[in-house]
Amino acid sequence: MRGNCTRCDGTGWEKWFEDNREQGHECYHCLGTGKVCSEVARHDKLLKICGYVGWHEACERRRARDNNPDGEDFAFCAAENMMTARDYFEEIVMDRTYNAIRILDDMPEHDQNAAILMYDAIESV
């Protein structure tokens, strides 16, 4: 069973805009076929789930900091770490995503499959 490539959404071609022009090249993840083997598709979904978890946790941290009554908002915390707010946010996303990957990797396969089923259900809505 083969799944659609998550990198190119099954088209076999990656596209992006640069200098107000559409750029693109053949997708290296699926080698231009738009399909990947079932194990790679499963792994891609697990990584996407971890990315969602990392993004959500970073948003929650930013929201909590911005609601701080002492006035030390998220941008202030970023400045304390000598970063822009965007860079600080991205660092939190990467850190929390990495932690989610480690946790999900240690889970039994049936729990991972349940997470994938939930992901598929959310994506189909």
Protein backbone atom coordinates (compact mmCIF):
# COMPACT_ATOMS: atom_id res chain seq x y z
CA MET A 1 0.00 0.00 0.00
CA ARG A 2 1.38 3.38 -0.94
CA GLY A 3 0.47 6.74 0.51
CA ASN A 4 0.56 10.24 -0.90
CA CYS A 5 3.76 12.16 -0.34
CA THR A 6 3.26 14.77 2.38
CA ARG A 7 6.04 16.98 1.08
CA CYS A 8 4.47 17.66 -2.33
CA ASP A 9 0.86 16.63 -1.53
CA GLY A 10 1.05 13.82 -4.08
CA THR A 11 1.91 15.97 -7.09
CA GLY A 12 5.55 14.92 -7.40
CA TRP A 13 6.54 18.57 -7.73
CA GLU A 14 7.43 21.04 -4.97
CA LYS A 15 6.44 24.66 -5.55
CA TRP A 16 7.19 27.87 -3.70
CA PHE A 17 7.34 31.60 -4.38
CA GLU A 18 10.62 33.45 -4.47
CA ASP A 19 11.15 36.99 -5.74
CA ASN A 20 7.44 37.14 -6.68
CA ARG A 21 7.85 34.20 -9.04
CA GLU A 22 6.75 30.63 -8.69
CA GLN A 23 9.70 28.28 -8.34
CA GLY A 24 9.71 24.51 -8.24
CA HIS A 25 11.56 21.27 -8.63
CA GLU A 26 10.92 17.56 -8.51
CA CYS A 27 10.12 16.34 -5.00
CA TYR A 28 13.08 14.52 -3.49
CA HIS A 29 10.90 12.81 -0.87
CA CYS A 30 8.93 10.73 -3.39
CA LEU A 31 11.35 11.08 -6.34
CA GLY A 32 8.69 12.82 -8.39
CA THR A 33 6.11 10.02 -8.22
CA GLY A 34 3.81 11.63 -5.67
CA LYS A 35 3.65 8.33 -3.75
CA VAL A 36 5.71 6.91 -0.89
CA CYS A 37 5.73 3.44 0.69
CA SER A 38 3.35 2.84 3.57
CA GLU A 39 6.09 2.91 6.23
CA VAL A 40 7.35 6.31 5.02
CA ALA A 41 3.77 7.64 4.88
CA ARG A 42 3.21 6.41 8.46
CA HIS A 43 6.42 8.04 9.63
CA ASP A 44 5.50 11.31 7.89
CA LYS A 45 2.15 11.36 9.65
CA LEU A 46 3.78 10.77 13.03
CA LEU A 47 6.19 13.64 12.39
CA LYS A 48 3.33 15.89 11.36
CA ILE A 49 1.47 15.04 14.58
CA CYS A 50 4.58 15.95 16.57
CA GLY A 51 4.85 19.22 14.64
CA TYR A 52 1.25 20.07 15.52
CA VAL A 53 1.97 19.35 19.18
CA GLY A 54 5.07 21.56 19.11
CA TRP A 55 3.18 24.38 17.39
CA HIS A 56 0.29 24.18 19.87
CA GLU A 57 2.59 24.24 22.90
CA ALA A 58 4.49 27.24 21.52
CA CYS A 59 1.19 29.07 20.93
CA GLU A 60 0.08 28.30 24.47
CA ARG A 61 3.37 29.56 25.88
CA ARG A 62 3.11 32.76 23.84
CA ARG A 63 -0.50 33.29 24.92
CA ALA A 64 0.39 32.75 28.60
CA ARG A 65 3.30 35.19 28.37
CA ASP A 66 1.24 37.82 26.59
CA ASN A 67 -1.36 37.60 29.38
CA ASN A 68 1.24 38.12 32.10
CA PRO A 69 -0.01 40.92 34.40
CA ASP A 70 3.58 42.00 35.15
CA GLY A 71 3.96 43.20 31.57
CA GLU A 72 6.71 40.77 30.57
CA ASP A 73 5.18 39.59 27.32
CA PHE A 74 6.49 37.07 24.82
CA ALA A 75 8.57 39.65 22.95
CA PHE A 76 10.22 40.64 26.24
CA CYS A 77 11.16 37.00 26.92
CA ALA A 78 12.53 36.71 23.40
CA ALA A 79 14.62 39.84 23.92
CA GLU A 80 15.95 38.39 27.19
CA ASN A 81 17.18 35.42 25.12
CA MET A 82 18.65 37.80 22.51
CA MET A 83 16.19 36.69 19.83
CA THR A 84 13.36 38.14 17.86
CA ALA A 85 9.89 36.97 18.87
CA ARG A 86 9.65 34.91 15.69
CA ASP A 87 12.99 33.17 16.26
CA TYR A 88 12.09 32.47 19.88
CA PHE A 89 8.73 31.04 18.82
CA GLU A 90 10.40 28.81 16.22
CA GLU A 91 12.93 27.60 18.79
CA ILE A 92 10.10 26.60 21.14
CA VAL A 93 8.29 24.83 18.29
CA MET A 94 11.41 22.85 17.39
CA ASP A 95 12.16 21.98 21.01
CA ARG A 96 8.62 20.85 21.79
CA THR A 97 8.38 18.95 18.48
CA TYR A 98 11.59 17.10 19.31
CA ASN A 99 10.23 16.18 22.74
CA ALA A 100 6.98 14.97 21.17
CA ILE A 101 8.96 12.82 18.71
CA ARG A 102 10.85 11.16 21.57
CA ILE A 103 7.64 10.50 23.50
CA LEU A 104 5.73 9.18 20.47
CA ASP A 105 8.70 7.01 19.50
CA ASP A 106 8.63 5.34 22.93
CA MET A 107 4.89 4.60 22.67
CA PRO A 108 3.65 1.15 21.65
CA GLU A 109 2.74 0.78 17.99
CA HIS A 110 -1.01 0.49 18.68
CA ASP A 111 -0.92 3.90 20.43
CA GLN A 112 0.94 5.37 17.47
CA ASN A 113 -1.69 3.90 15.16
CA ALA A 114 -4.43 5.50 17.27
CA ALA A 115 -2.69 8.86 16.89
CA ILE A 116 -2.52 8.34 13.13
CA LEU A 117 -6.24 7.48 12.99
CA MET A 118 -7.02 10.66 14.90
CA TYR A 119 -4.78 12.66 12.54
CA ASP A 120 -6.51 11.16 9.48
CA ALA A 121 -9.93 11.96 10.94
CA ILE A 122 -8.94 15.59 11.61
CA GLU A 123 -7.40 16.01 8.16
CA SER A 124 -10.52 14.65 6.44
CA VAL A 125 -12.80 17.29 8.00
